[in-house]
C-alpha atoms as a PDB file:
ATOM      1  CA  MET A   1       0.218   0.033  -0.314  1.00  0.00           C
ATOM      2  CA  LEU A   2       1.033   3.747  -0.798  1.00  0.00           C
ATOM      3  CA  TYR A   3       0.802   6.048   2.352  1.00  0.00           C
ATOM      4  CA  ALA A   4       1.696   9.594   2.201  1.00  0.00           C
ATOM      5  CA  GLU A   5       0.534  10.954   5.491  1.00  0.00           C
ATOM      6  CA  ASP A   6       3.980  11.243   6.837  1.00  0.00           C
ATOM      7  CA  VAL A   7       5.401  12.424   3.554  1.00  0.00           C
ATOM      8  CA  THR A   8       7.507  15.990   3.747  1.00  0.00           C
ATOM      9  CA  ILE A   9       7.440  17.778   0.575  1.00  0.00           C
ATOM     10  CA  GLU A  10      11.177  18.810   0.738  1.00  0.00           C
ATOM     11  CA  SER A  11      11.131  21.423  -2.481  1.00  0.00           C
ATOM     12  CA  VAL A  12       8.921  21.557  -5.802  1.00  0.00           C
ATOM     13  CA  PHE A  13       9.844  22.923  -8.888  1.00  0.00           C
ATOM     14  CA  LEU A  14       6.997  24.096 -11.281  1.00  0.00           C
ATOM     15  CA  HIS A  15       7.900  24.796 -15.005  1.00  0.00           C
ATOM     16  CA  HIS A  16       5.662  24.929 -17.772  1.00  0.00           C
ATOM     17  CA  ILE A  17       6.065  22.758 -20.758  1.00  0.00           C
ATOM     18  CA  GLY A  18       5.046  23.121 -24.828  1.00  0.00           C
ATOM     19  CA  ASN A  19       4.224  21.167 -27.473  1.00  0.00           C
ATOM     20  CA  LYS A  20       8.071  20.635 -29.638  1.00  0.00           C
ATOM     21  CA  SER A  21       6.244  19.805 -33.087  1.00  0.00           C
ATOM     22  CA  LEU A  22       4.823  23.665 -32.157  1.00  0.00           C
ATOM     23  CA  GLU A  23       8.062  25.190 -31.243  1.00  0.00           C
ATOM     24  CA  GLU A  24       5.893  26.239 -28.100  1.00  0.00           C
ATOM     25  CA  GLY A  25       8.961  25.769 -25.694  1.00  0.00           C
ATOM     26  CA  CYS A  26       9.466  25.803 -22.589  1.00  0.00           C
ATOM     27  CA  THR A  27       9.386  28.269 -19.186  1.00  0.00           C
ATOM     28  CA  PHE A  28      11.466  27.302 -16.470  1.00  0.00           C
ATOM     29  CA  SER A  29      11.123  28.918 -12.634  1.00  0.00           C
ATOM     30  CA  ASP A  30      14.372  30.010 -10.954  1.00  0.00           C
ATOM     31  CA  GLU A  31      13.176  29.102  -7.702  1.00  0.00           C
ATOM     32  CA  PRO A  32      11.510  26.679  -5.711  1.00  0.00           C
ATOM     33  CA  LEU A  33       7.666  26.955  -5.606  1.00  0.00           C
ATOM     34  CA  LEU A  34       7.135  28.628  -2.227  1.00  0.00           C
ATOM     35  CA  MET A  35       4.431  26.768   0.386  1.00  0.00           C
ATOM     36  CA  ASP A  36       2.495  27.522   3.442  1.00  0.00           C
ATOM     37  CA  ASP A  37       0.855  24.378   5.520  1.00  0.00           C
ATOM     38  CA  LYS A  38      -2.143  25.068   3.402  1.00  0.00           C
ATOM     39  CA  VAL A  39      -0.365  24.637   0.214  1.00  0.00           C
ATOM     40  CA  GLU A  40       1.660  21.416   1.052  1.00  0.00           C
ATOM     41  CA  GLU A  41      -1.182  20.024   2.287  1.00  0.00           C
ATOM     42  CA  ALA A  42      -3.170  20.395  -0.976  1.00  0.00           C
ATOM     43  CA  LEU A  43      -0.037  19.442  -3.027  1.00  0.00           C
ATOM     44  CA  LYS A  44       0.281  16.003  -1.448  1.00  0.00           C
ATOM     45  CA  THR A  45      -3.057  15.369  -2.803  1.00  0.00           C
ATOM     46  CA  TYR A  46      -2.503  16.173  -5.629  1.00  0.00           C
ATOM     47  CA  PHE A  47       0.571  14.666  -5.740  1.00  0.00           C
ATOM     48  CA  PHE A  48      -0.781  10.989  -4.015  1.00  0.00           C
ATOM     49  CA  GLU A  49      -4.454  10.578  -4.343  1.00  0.00           C
ATOM     50  CA  SER A  50      -4.907   9.054  -7.821  1.00  0.00           C
ATOM     51  CA  PHE A  51      -2.477   6.534  -7.483  1.00  0.00           C
ATOM     52  CA  ASN A  52      -2.864   2.872  -7.443  1.00  0.00           C
ATOM     53  CA  ASP A  53      -0.121   1.070  -6.156  1.00  0.00           C
ATOM     54  CA  LYS A  54      -1.236  -2.449  -7.629  1.00  0.00           C
ATOM     55  CA  GLU A  55       0.388  -2.082 -10.827  1.00  0.00           C
ATOM     56  CA  LEU A  56       4.198  -1.188 -10.154  1.00  0.00           C
ATOM     57  CA  TYR A  57       6.665  -0.337 -12.882  1.00  0.00           C
ATOM     58  CA  HIS A  58      10.612   0.154 -13.544  1.00  0.00           C
ATOM     59  CA  LEU A  59      12.137   2.625 -15.521  1.00  0.00           C
ATOM     60  CA  ASP A  60      13.611   0.462 -19.081  1.00  0.00           C
ATOM     61  CA  HIS A  61      15.988   1.023 -21.561  1.00  0.00           C
ATOM     62  CA  ASP A  62      16.239  -1.106 -24.632  1.00  0.00           C
ATOM     63  CA  VAL A  63      20.290  -1.249 -24.719  1.00  0.00           C
ATOM     64  CA  ASP A  64      21.209  -0.856 -21.590  1.00  0.00           C
ATOM     65  CA  ILE A  65      19.312   1.018 -17.982  1.00  0.00           C
ATOM     66  CA  LYS A  66      21.893   3.661 -17.452  1.00  0.00           C
ATOM     67  CA  LEU A  67      20.953   5.102 -20.815  1.00  0.00           C
ATOM     68  CA  ASN A  68      17.253   6.008 -19.918  1.00  0.00           C
ATOM     69  CA  GLU A  69      17.520   9.695 -19.382  1.00  0.00           C
ATOM     70  CA  LEU A  70      14.782   9.435 -15.975  1.00  0.00           C
ATOM     71  CA  TYR A  71      17.264   7.070 -14.704  1.00  0.00           C
ATOM     72  CA  SER A  72      20.051   8.926 -14.842  1.00  0.00           C
ATOM     73  CA  TYR A  73      18.482  12.551 -13.345  1.00  0.00           C
ATOM     74  CA  VAL A  74      16.795  10.863 -10.174  1.00  0.00           C
ATOM     75  CA  GLY A  75      19.998   8.452  -9.812  1.00  0.00           C
ATOM     76  CA  GLN A  76      21.661  11.662  -9.785  1.00  0.00           C
ATOM     77  CA  ILE A  77      19.059  13.520  -7.193  1.00  0.00           C
ATOM     78  CA  PHE A  78      19.113  10.214  -4.639  1.00  0.00           C
ATOM     79  CA  SER A  79      22.983   9.876  -4.476  1.00  0.00           C
ATOM     80  CA  GLY A  80      23.051  14.032  -3.463  1.00  0.00           C
ATOM     81  CA  GLU A  81      25.488  14.379  -6.382  1.00  0.00           C
ATOM     82  CA  SER A  82      22.998  16.945  -8.141  1.00  0.00           C
ATOM     83  CA  THR A  83      20.424  19.338  -6.941  1.00  0.00           C
ATOM     84  CA  LEU A  84      16.716  18.800  -7.835  1.00  0.00           C
ATOM     85  CA  LYS A  85      17.065  22.243  -9.602  1.00  0.00           C
ATOM     86  CA  GLU A  86      19.293  20.758 -12.185  1.00  0.00           C
ATOM     87  CA  GLN A  87      17.639  17.789 -12.915  1.00  0.00           C
ATOM     88  CA  ALA A  88      14.634  19.141 -12.612  1.00  0.00           C
ATOM     89  CA  ASN A  89      15.246  21.658 -15.811  1.00  0.00           C
ATOM     90  CA  ASN A  90      16.918  18.383 -16.997  1.00  0.00           C
ATOM     91  CA  ILE A  91      13.676  16.199 -16.591  1.00  0.00           C
ATOM     92  CA  ALA A  92      11.604  19.320 -18.517  1.00  0.00           C
ATOM     93  CA  ARG A  93      13.715  19.043 -21.066  1.00  0.00           C
ATOM     94  CA  HIS A  94      13.417  15.447 -21.117  1.00  0.00           C
ATOM     95  CA  LEU A  95       9.571  15.531 -21.425  1.00  0.00           C
ATOM     96  CA  TYR A  96       9.767  18.717 -24.266  1.00  0.00           C
ATOM     97  CA  ARG A  97      11.923  16.357 -26.453  1.00  0.00           C
ATOM     98  CA  CYS A  98       9.017  13.747 -26.163  1.00  0.00           C
ATOM     99  CA  SER A  99       6.128  16.020 -26.793  1.00  0.00           C
ATOM    100  CA  ASP A 100       6.246  15.928 -30.653  1.00  0.00           C
ATOM    101  CA  HIS A 101       3.033  15.077 -31.483  1.00  0.00           C
ATOM    102  CA  PRO A 102       0.762  17.950 -32.315  1.00  0.00           C
ATOM    103  CA  ASN A 103      -1.830  16.197 -29.954  1.00  0.00           C
ATOM    104  CA  ILE A 104       0.372  16.602 -26.591  1.00  0.00           C
ATOM    105  CA  LYS A 105      -1.517  19.583 -25.029  1.00  0.00           C
ATOM    106  CA  PRO A 106       1.078  22.202 -23.098  1.00  0.00           C
ATOM    107  CA  GLY A 107       1.030  22.036 -19.308  1.00  0.00           C
ATOM    108  CA  GLU A 108       2.251  22.950 -15.384  1.00  0.00           C
ATOM    109  CA  LEU A 109       4.913  20.380 -14.884  1.00  0.00           C
ATOM    110  CA  CYS A 110       5.604  20.047 -11.165  1.00  0.00           C
ATOM    111  CA  ILE A 111       8.562  18.255 -10.222  1.00  0.00           C
ATOM    112  CA  ALA A 112       9.076  17.158  -6.371  1.00  0.00           C
ATOM    113  CA  LEU A 113      11.821  16.157  -4.100  1.00  0.00           C
ATOM    114  CA  LEU A 114       9.051  13.562  -1.989  1.00  0.00           C
ATOM    115  CA  ARG A 115      10.647  12.430   2.001  1.00  0.00           C
ATOM    116  CA  ASP A 116       9.382   9.741   4.146  1.00  0.00           C
ATOM    117  CA  CYS A 117       6.574   8.000   1.421  1.00  0.00           C
ATOM    118  CA  GLN A 118       5.761   4.289   2.477  1.00  0.00           C
ATOM    119  CA  ILE A 119       5.347   1.578  -0.095  1.00  0.00           C
ATOM    120  CA  GLU A 120       5.093  -2.267   0.440  1.00  0.00           C
ATOM    121  CA  GLY A 121       6.177  -1.750   4.189  1.00  0.00           C
ATOM    122  CA  GLN A 122       9.277   0.465   2.977  1.00  0.00           C
ATOM    123  CA  VAL A 123      10.162   4.250   4.245  1.00  0.00           C
ATOM    124  CA  LEU A 124      11.526   5.666   0.901  1.00  0.00           C
ATOM    125  CA  ASP A 125      12.484   8.809  -0.797  1.00  0.00           C
ATOM    126  CA  ALA A 126      10.853   9.626  -4.127  1.00  0.00           C
ATOM    127  CA  VAL A 127      10.729  12.103  -7.297  1.00  0.00           C
ATOM    128  CA  GLY A 128       7.637  13.027  -8.042  1.00  0.00           C
ATOM    129  CA  ILE A 129       6.469  14.367 -11.487  1.00  0.00           C
ATOM    130  CA  PHE A 130       3.277  15.239 -12.556  1.00  0.00           C
ATOM    131  CA  LYS A 131       1.641  17.324 -15.300  1.00  0.00           C
ATOM    132  CA  ALA A 132      -1.550  19.383 -15.243  1.00  0.00           C
ATOM    133  CA  GLU A 133      -2.723  19.051 -18.821  1.00  0.00           C
ATOM    134  CA  ASN A 134      -6.181  20.355 -18.347  1.00  0.00           C
ATOM    135  CA  LYS A 135      -7.593  23.333 -15.977  1.00  0.00           C
ATOM    136  CA  ASP A 136     -11.353  23.669 -14.203  1.00  0.00           C
ATOM    137  CA  THR A 137     -13.080  26.782 -13.843  1.00  0.00           C
ATOM    138  CA  PHE A 138     -13.651  27.949 -10.301  1.00  0.00           C
ATOM    139  CA  LEU A 139     -16.382  30.512  -8.710  1.00  0.00           C
ATOM    140  CA  LYS A 140     -14.830  32.683  -6.443  1.00  0.00           C
ATOM    141  CA  VAL A 141     -17.567  34.364  -3.900  1.00  0.00           C
ATOM    142  CA  ILE A 142     -16.382  37.638  -2.532  1.00  0.00           C
ATOM    143  CA  SER A 143     -18.611  39.476  -0.120  1.00  0.00           C
ATOM    144  CA  ARG A 144     -18.899  43.629  -0.411  1.00  0.00           C
ATOM    145  CA  LYS A 145     -20.137  45.119   2.210  1.00  0.00           C
ATOM    146  CA  ASN A 146     -24.223  44.306   1.683  1.00  0.00           C
ATOM    147  CA  GLN A 147     -23.466  42.164  -0.981  1.00  0.00           C
ATOM    148  CA  PHE A 148     -21.660  39.224  -2.965  1.00  0.00           C
ATOM    149  CA  GLU A 149     -20.188  39.222  -5.883  1.00  0.00           C
ATOM    150  CA  VAL A 150     -19.035  36.006  -7.653  1.00  0.00           C
ATOM    151  CA  GLU A 151     -15.695  35.700 -10.022  1.00  0.00           C
ATOM    152  CA  SER A 152     -14.500  33.167 -12.099  1.00  0.00           C
ATOM    153  CA  ASP A 153     -11.409  31.459 -12.686  1.00  0.00           C
ATOM    154  CA  GLU A 154      -8.984  28.713 -14.000  1.00  0.00           C
ATOM    155  CA  GLY A 155      -6.877  26.727 -12.146  1.00  0.00           C
ATOM    156  CA  ILE A 156      -5.636  22.794 -11.275  1.00  0.00           C
ATOM    157  CA  ASN A 157      -8.226  20.488  -9.616  1.00  0.00           C
ATOM    158  CA  VAL A 158      -5.944  18.810  -6.870  1.00  0.00           C
ATOM    159  CA  GLY A 159      -8.433  15.848  -7.297  1.00  0.00           C
ATOM    160  CA  LYS A 160      -7.808  15.189 -10.458  1.00  0.00           C
ATOM    161  CA  LEU A 161      -4.321  14.507 -11.661  1.00  0.00           C
ATOM    162  CA  ASP A 162      -3.830  14.258 -15.582  1.00  0.00           C
ATOM    163  CA  LYS A 163      -0.282  12.621 -15.940  1.00  0.00           C
ATOM    164  CA  GLY A 164       1.820  11.659 -12.904  1.00  0.00           C
ATOM    165  CA  CYS A 165       4.560   8.958 -11.871  1.00  0.00           C
ATOM    166  CA  LEU A 166       6.517   8.443  -8.418  1.00  0.00           C
ATOM    167  CA  ILE A 167       9.945   7.162  -8.730  1.00  0.00           C
ATOM    168  CA  PHE A 168      11.297   5.288  -5.262  1.00  0.00           C
ATOM    169  CA  ASN A 169      14.716   5.114  -4.233  1.00  0.00           C
ATOM    170  CA  THR A 170      14.856   1.445  -4.287  1.00  0.00           C
ATOM    171  CA  ASP A 171      15.452  -1.640  -6.844  1.00  0.00           C
ATOM    172  CA  GLU A 172      18.351   0.408  -8.290  1.00  0.00           C
ATOM    173  CA  GLU A 173      19.443  -2.071 -10.563  1.00  0.00           C
ATOM    174  CA  GLU A 174      15.803  -2.748 -12.334  1.00  0.00           C
ATOM    175  CA  GLY A 175      15.400   0.819 -12.856  1.00  0.00           C
ATOM    176  CA  TYR A 176      13.912   1.954  -9.195  1.00  0.00           C
ATOM    177  CA  LEU A 177      10.395   1.606  -8.582  1.00  0.00           C
ATOM    178  CA  VAL A 178       7.493   3.477 -10.125  1.00  0.00           C
ATOM    179  CA  THR A 179       4.049   3.887 -10.178  1.00  0.00           C
ATOM    180  CA  VAL A 180       2.335   5.654 -12.581  1.00  0.00           C
ATOM    181  CA  VAL A 181      -0.894   8.017 -13.762  1.00  0.00           C
ATOM    182  CA  ASP A 182      -2.116   8.538 -17.239  1.00  0.00           C
ATOM    183  CA  GLN A 183      -5.690   9.999 -17.182  1.00  0.00           C
ATOM    184  CA  THR A 184      -5.556  10.619 -21.141  1.00  0.00           C
ATOM    185  CA  ASN A 185      -4.343   7.533 -22.397  1.00  0.00           C
ATOM    186  CA  LYS A 186      -6.309   7.220 -25.696  1.00  0.00           C
ATOM    187  CA  GLY A 187      -4.683   7.806 -29.036  1.00  0.00           C
ATOM    188  CA  VAL A 188      -1.583   7.024 -30.463  1.00  0.00           C
ATOM    189  CA  GLU A 189       0.170  10.206 -28.786  1.00  0.00           C
ATOM    190  CA  ALA A 190      -1.264   9.293 -24.997  1.00  0.00           C
ATOM    191  CA  HIS A 191       1.222   6.659 -24.920  1.00  0.00           C
ATOM    192  CA  PHE A 192       4.135   9.038 -24.732  1.00  0.00           C
ATOM    193  CA  TRP A 193       4.130   9.679 -21.366  1.00  0.00           C
ATOM    194  CA  SER A 194       4.535   5.833 -20.523  1.00  0.00           C
ATOM    195  CA  ASP A 195       6.501   4.949 -23.366  1.00  0.00           C
ATOM    196  CA  GLU A 196       8.468   7.340 -24.654  1.00  0.00           C
ATOM    197  CA  PHE A 197       9.067  10.201 -21.802  1.00  0.00           C
ATOM    198  CA  LEU A 198       9.492   7.183 -18.773  1.00  0.00           C
ATOM    199  CA  HIS A 199      10.125   4.210 -21.218  1.00  0.00           C
ATOM    200  CA  LEU A 200       8.503   1.706 -18.263  1.00  0.00           C
ATOM    201  CA  LYS A 201       8.186  -2.121 -18.078  1.00  0.00           C
ATOM    202  CA  HIS A 202       6.287  -3.813 -15.709  1.00  0.00           C
ATOM    203  CA  ARG A 203       7.433  -5.246 -12.204  1.00  0.00           C
ATOM    204  CA  ARG A 204       7.729  -9.104 -12.694  1.00  0.00           C
ATOM    205  CA  ASP A 205       5.678  -9.645 -10.055  1.00  0.00           C
ATOM    206  CA  ILE A 206       2.364 -11.415  -8.757  1.00  0.00           C
ATOM    207  CA  TYR A 207       0.243  -8.524 -10.150  1.00  0.00           C
ATOM    208  CA  PHE A 208       1.908  -9.291 -13.451  1.00  0.00           C
ATOM    209  CA  ASN A 209       2.030 -12.698 -13.662  1.00  0.00           C
ATOM    210  CA  THR A 210      -1.942 -12.967 -12.875  1.00  0.00           C
ATOM    211  CA  GLN A 211      -2.300 -10.182 -15.384  1.00  0.00           C
ATOM    212  CA  ASN A 212      -0.595 -11.848 -18.400  1.00  0.00           C
ATOM    213  CA  VAL A 213      -1.731 -15.525 -17.864  1.00  0.00           C
ATOM    214  CA  LEU A 214      -5.481 -13.962 -17.456  1.00  0.00           C
ATOM    215  CA  GLU A 215      -4.783 -12.112 -20.913  1.00  0.00           C
ATOM    216  CA  ALA A 216      -3.174 -15.196 -22.410  1.00  0.00           C
ATOM    217  CA  CYS A 217      -6.528 -17.024 -21.599  1.00  0.00           C
ATOM    218  CA  LYS A 218      -8.185 -14.730 -23.100  1.00  0.00           C
ATOM    219  CA  SER A 219      -7.021 -14.209 -26.500  1.00  0.00           C
ATOM    220  CA  PHE A 220      -6.476 -18.158 -26.804  1.00  0.00           C
ATOM    221  CA  VAL A 221     -10.453 -18.653 -26.376  1.00  0.00           C
ATOM    222  CA  SER A 222     -11.489 -15.922 -28.037  1.00  0.00           C
ATOM    223  CA  ASP A 223      -9.458 -15.965 -30.932  1.00  0.00           C
ATOM    224  CA  ALA A 224      -7.306 -18.755 -30.940  1.00  0.00           C
ATOM    225  CA  LEU A 225      -9.498 -21.805 -30.058  1.00  0.00           C
ATOM    226  CA  PRO A 226     -12.157 -20.965 -32.805  1.00  0.00           C
ATOM    227  CA  GLU A 227      -9.867 -21.345 -35.767  1.00  0.00           C
ATOM    228  CA  GLU A 228      -9.286 -24.598 -34.733  1.00  0.00           C
ATOM    229  CA  TYR A 229     -12.060 -26.154 -33.144  1.00  0.00           C
ATOM    230  CA  THR A 230     -15.618 -25.197 -34.287  1.00  0.00           C
ATOM    231  CA  MET A 231     -17.111 -23.790 -31.435  1.00  0.00           C
ATOM    232  CA  GLU A 232     -20.231 -22.293 -29.893  1.00  0.00           C
ATOM    233  CA  LYS A 233     -20.145 -18.819 -28.855  1.00  0.00           C
ATOM    234  CA  ALA A 234     -21.671 -20.167 -26.058  1.00  0.00           C
ATOM    235  CA  ASP A 235     -18.811 -22.608 -24.934  1.00  0.00           C
ATOM    236  CA  GLN A 236     -16.513 -19.845 -25.560  1.00  0.00           C
ATOM    237  CA  ILE A 237     -18.305 -17.866 -22.594  1.00  0.00           C
ATOM    238  CA  ASP A 238     -18.004 -20.909 -20.638  1.00  0.00           C
ATOM    239  CA  LEU A 239     -14.941 -21.497 -21.042  1.00  0.00           C
ATOM    240  CA  LEU A 240     -13.823 -17.764 -20.105  1.00  0.00           C
ATOM    241  CA  ASN A 241     -16.030 -17.995 -16.701  1.00  0.00           C
ATOM    242  CA  LYS A 242     -14.089 -21.345 -15.617  1.00  0.00           C
ATOM    243  CA  SER A 243     -10.845 -19.357 -16.298  1.00  0.00           C
ATOM    244  CA  ILE A 244     -11.934 -16.285 -14.367  1.00  0.00           C
ATOM    245  CA  SER A 245     -13.865 -18.617 -11.400  1.00  0.00           C
ATOM    246  CA  TYR A 246     -10.431 -20.921 -11.590  1.00  0.00           C
ATOM    247  CA  PHE A 247      -8.804 -17.547 -10.759  1.00  0.00           C
ATOM    248  CA  LYS A 248     -11.438 -15.542  -8.200  1.00  0.00           C
ATOM    249  CA  ASP A 249     -11.281 -19.372  -6.113  1.00  0.00           C
ATOM    250  CA  ASN A 250      -7.937 -20.275  -5.562  1.00  0.00           C
ATOM    251  CA  GLU A 251      -5.110 -18.674  -4.027  1.00  0.00           C
ATOM    252  CA  ARG A 252      -2.213 -20.145  -6.177  1.00  0.00           C
ATOM    253  CA  PHE A 253      -2.116 -20.585  -9.803  1.00  0.00           C
ATOM    254  CA  VAL A 254      -0.869 -24.091 -10.803  1.00  0.00           C
ATOM    255  CA  GLN A 255      -0.705 -24.523 -14.443  1.00  0.00           C
ATOM    256  CA  GLU A 256      -1.637 -28.584 -14.884  1.00  0.00           C
ATOM    257  CA  GLU A 257      -4.556 -27.794 -12.553  1.00  0.00           C
ATOM    258  CA  PHE A 258      -5.605 -24.796 -14.118  1.00  0.00           C
ATOM    259  CA  GLU A 259      -5.508 -26.849 -17.773  1.00  0.00           C
ATOM    260  CA  GLY A 260      -7.528 -29.792 -16.062  1.00  0.00           C
ATOM    261  CA  ALA A 261     -10.239 -27.810 -14.707  1.00  0.00           C
ATOM    262  CA  VAL A 262     -11.006 -25.278 -17.463  1.00  0.00           C
ATOM    263  CA  PHE A 263      -9.810 -26.870 -20.591  1.00  0.00           C
ATOM    264  CA  LYS A 264      -9.858 -30.720 -19.844  1.00  0.00           C
ATOM    265  CA  ASP A 265      -9.601 -31.794 -23.227  1.00  0.00           C
ATOM    266  CA  PRO A 266      -5.751 -33.060 -23.807  1.00  0.00           C
ATOM    267  CA  LYS A 267      -5.904 -31.914 -27.246  1.00  0.00           C
ATOM    268  CA  VAL A 268      -7.142 -28.609 -26.060  1.00  0.00           C
ATOM    269  CA  ILE A 269      -4.299 -27.963 -23.403  1.00  0.00           C
ATOM    270  CA  GLN A 270      -2.205 -29.000 -26.006  1.00  0.00           C
ATOM    271  CA  SER A 271      -2.943 -26.147 -28.139  1.00  0.00           C
ATOM    272  CA  PHE A 272      -3.319 -23.554 -24.719  1.00  0.00           C
ATOM    273  CA  GLN A 273       0.348 -24.536 -24.276  1.00  0.00           C
ATOM    274  CA  ASN A 274       1.810 -24.002 -27.499  1.00  0.00           C
ATOM    275  CA  PHE A 275      -0.414 -20.632 -27.424  1.00  0.00           C
ATOM    276  CA  ASN A 276       1.103 -19.619 -23.953  1.00  0.00           C
ATOM    277  CA  SER A 277       4.671 -20.264 -25.474  1.00  0.00           C
ATOM    278  CA  GLN A 278       4.353 -17.837 -28.572  1.00  0.00           C
ATOM    279  CA  PHE A 279       2.435 -15.064 -26.470  1.00  0.00           C
ATOM    280  CA  ALA A 280       5.348 -15.474 -23.940  1.00  0.00           C
ATOM    281  CA  GLU A 281       7.692 -15.775 -26.962  1.00  0.00           C
ATOM    282  CA  GLU A 282       6.493 -12.378 -28.473  1.00  0.00           C
ATOM    283  CA  ARG A 283       6.297 -10.385 -25.511  1.00  0.00           C
ATOM    284  CA  ASP A 284       9.805 -11.346 -24.292  1.00  0.00           C
ATOM    285  CA  MET A 285       8.739 -12.610 -20.690  1.00  0.00           C
ATOM    286  CA  ASP A 286       8.777 -15.923 -18.854  1.00  0.00           C
ATOM    287  CA  MET A 287       5.302 -17.394 -17.968  1.00  0.00           C
ATOM    288  CA  PRO A 288       5.768 -18.867 -14.917  1.00  0.00           C
ATOM    289  CA  GLN A 289       3.532 -22.490 -14.277  1.00  0.00           C
ATOM    290  CA  SER A 290       3.178 -21.653 -10.451  1.00  0.00           C
ATOM    291  CA  PHE A 291       2.790 -18.254  -9.022  1.00  0.00           C
ATOM    292  CA  GLU A 292       0.572 -16.607  -5.832  1.00  0.00           C
ATOM    293  CA  ILE A 293      -2.836 -15.201  -7.625  1.00  0.00           C
ATOM    294  CA  SER A 294      -3.082 -11.357  -7.084  1.00  0.00           C
ATOM    295  CA  LYS A 295      -6.969 -10.663  -6.706  1.00  0.00           C
ATOM    296  CA  ASP A 296      -6.191  -7.003  -7.465  1.00  0.00           C
ATOM    297  CA  ALA A 297      -5.060  -7.864 -11.235  1.00  0.00           C
ATOM    298  CA  VAL A 298      -7.931 -10.495 -10.925  1.00  0.00           C
ATOM    299  CA  LYS A 299     -10.517  -7.976 -10.303  1.00  0.00           C
ATOM    300  CA  LYS A 300      -9.184  -5.530 -12.880  1.00  0.00           C
ATOM    301  CA  LYS A 301      -8.898  -8.164 -15.524  1.00  0.00           C
ATOM    302  CA  SER A 302     -12.057  -9.580 -15.203  1.00  0.00           C
ATOM    303  CA  ARG A 303     -13.859  -6.974 -16.334  1.00  0.00           C
ATOM    304  CA  VAL A 304     -12.885  -7.553 -19.448  1.00  0.00           C
ATOM    305  CA  PHE A 305     -14.096 -10.837 -19.584  1.00  0.00           C
ATOM    306  CA  LYS A 306     -17.210 -10.410 -21.734  1.00  0.00           C
ATOM    307  CA  SER A 307     -19.848 -13.012 -20.529  1.00  0.00           C
ATOM    308  CA  VAL A 308     -22.533 -11.719 -23.485  1.00  0.00           C
ATOM    309  CA  ILE A 309     -23.774 -12.761 -26.677  1.00  0.00           C
ATOM    310  CA  LYS A 310     -25.071  -9.955 -28.762  1.00  0.00           C
ATOM    311  CA  LEU A 311     -27.828 -11.396 -31.450  1.00  0.00           C
ATOM    312  CA  ASP A 312     -28.308  -9.035 -34.423  1.00  0.00           C
ATOM    313  CA  LYS A 313     -29.665  -5.868 -32.728  1.00  0.00           C
ATOM    314  CA  ASN A 314     -32.550  -7.338 -30.936  1.00  0.00           C
ATOM    315  CA  PHE A 315     -31.284  -9.091 -27.545  1.00  0.00           C
ATOM    316  CA  HIS A 316     -27.997  -9.432 -25.445  1.00  0.00           C
ATOM    317  CA  VAL A 317     -27.872 -13.300 -23.731  1.00  0.00           C
ATOM    318  CA  TYR A 318     -25.479 -12.428 -20.431  1.00  0.00           C
ATOM    319  CA  VAL A 319     -24.334 -16.360 -19.509  1.00  0.00           C
ATOM    320  CA  HIS A 320     -22.583 -16.596 -15.907  1.00  0.00           C
ATOM    321  CA  GLY A 321     -23.254 -19.985 -15.145  1.00  0.00           C
ATOM    322  CA  ASN A 322     -23.902 -23.424 -16.249  1.00  0.00           C
ATOM    323  CA  ARG A 323     -23.427 -23.780 -19.867  1.00  0.00           C
ATOM    324  CA  ASP A 324     -26.146 -26.424 -19.825  1.00  0.00           C
ATOM    325  CA  TYR A 325     -28.869 -24.232 -19.280  1.00  0.00           C
ATOM    326  CA  ILE A 326     -28.081 -22.490 -22.691  1.00  0.00           C
ATOM    327  CA  GLU A 327     -29.025 -24.450 -26.010  1.00  0.00           C
ATOM    328  CA  ARG A 328     -28.450 -23.509 -29.438  1.00  0.00           C
ATOM    329  CA  GLY A 329     -30.391 -24.710 -32.636  1.00  0.00           C
ATOM    330  CA  THR A 330     -32.440 -23.671 -35.795  1.00  0.00           C
ATOM    331  CA  ASP A 331     -36.241 -24.107 -36.711  1.00  0.00           C
ATOM    332  CA  PRO A 332     -37.627 -25.571 -39.980  1.00  0.00           C
ATOM    333  CA  ASP A 333     -37.848 -22.364 -41.473  1.00  0.00           C
ATOM    334  CA  GLY A 334     -33.937 -21.557 -41.155  1.00  0.00           C
ATOM    335  CA  ARG A 335     -34.143 -19.069 -38.449  1.00  0.00           C
ATOM    336  CA  LYS A 336     -31.772 -19.664 -35.221  1.00  0.00           C
ATOM    337  CA  PHE A 337     -32.344 -19.526 -31.683  1.00  0.00           C
ATOM    338  CA  TYR A 338     -31.511 -19.802 -28.444  1.00  0.00           C
ATOM    339  CA  LYS A 339     -33.525 -21.956 -25.203  1.00  0.00           C
ATOM    340  CA  LEU A 340     -32.692 -21.099 -22.111  1.00  0.00           C
ATOM    341  CA  TYR A 341     -33.724 -23.275 -18.904  1.00  0.00           C
ATOM    342  CA  TYR A 342     -33.833 -21.853 -15.584  1.00  0.00           C
ATOM    343  CA  ASP A 343     -35.249 -23.033 -11.902  1.00  0.00           C
ATOM    344  CA  SER A 344     -36.161 -19.266 -10.224  1.00  0.00           C
ATOM    345  CA  GLU A 345     -37.293 -15.803 -11.980  1.00  0.00           C
ATOM    346  CA  SER A 346     -36.715 -12.924 -10.068  1.00  0.00           C
END
């Protein structure tokens, strides 16, 4: 878990980052942000409230982690070799270089040195990088003698972080521990924050393992298996339901046990094993045959395990339970139908 109650914000630099493709440039602050207690509490909310610390990452590089710009910049801050001010400027310039898609919005960039962050039972220093791309309109009520006036202004909503990351001073050899937020993650340009600016890879942990096996299983059942075997949609959904049920009902994944419980047929099991190997090879990762199951990953992934059969534009049939309770057929006139059995109606 990520706790911010005892965090101290040692220093914050605020810059403005434009769009490089539009040649908007950057504006750098020479001095750290002045904060009173009220501002510091508001910044803590802004810095920490939006993060999900279940899905964690490391900084990465295709050749050598030392060539990752952020790895170098934050490393010098953590080691004391350089000041936050100097490296905050370098971080801002690096972000500007990555902001070369015309749809990337300009915005304010906060770079903060944070002390006493608590994550996974450790108390650690962290460098926080936060970008505000969208402004909200606020109404300010002003009392003047016997009447009130209302003025509007634009500003950053501390409860809505557009883009951010926390880089913790641990796992240095692997690329430091990182958690990330990106609320504007649609479209080609959206990937610049995680892929171009940060260059992240998932940390190899139980969340990562659970997520990937579920993703492989969904792809196999939805895409690969129907190419090998003639399958009804209800049978596909039944396999997906059995897969997610296995992960919900067990504390540990054991591949052989999972295959027997879900696929049963030796030929289908062999097909799944072949697909699993190819899936791992294409993503350059290992697929362990046994690991502890992350319930948080199961909860997230279960949302994309669709259990619905869409029939033209007339009906949606949701299949959540016993496959034997649904039957598909064709009447003498050639019209397709589903027959549903049930014990009670509510």
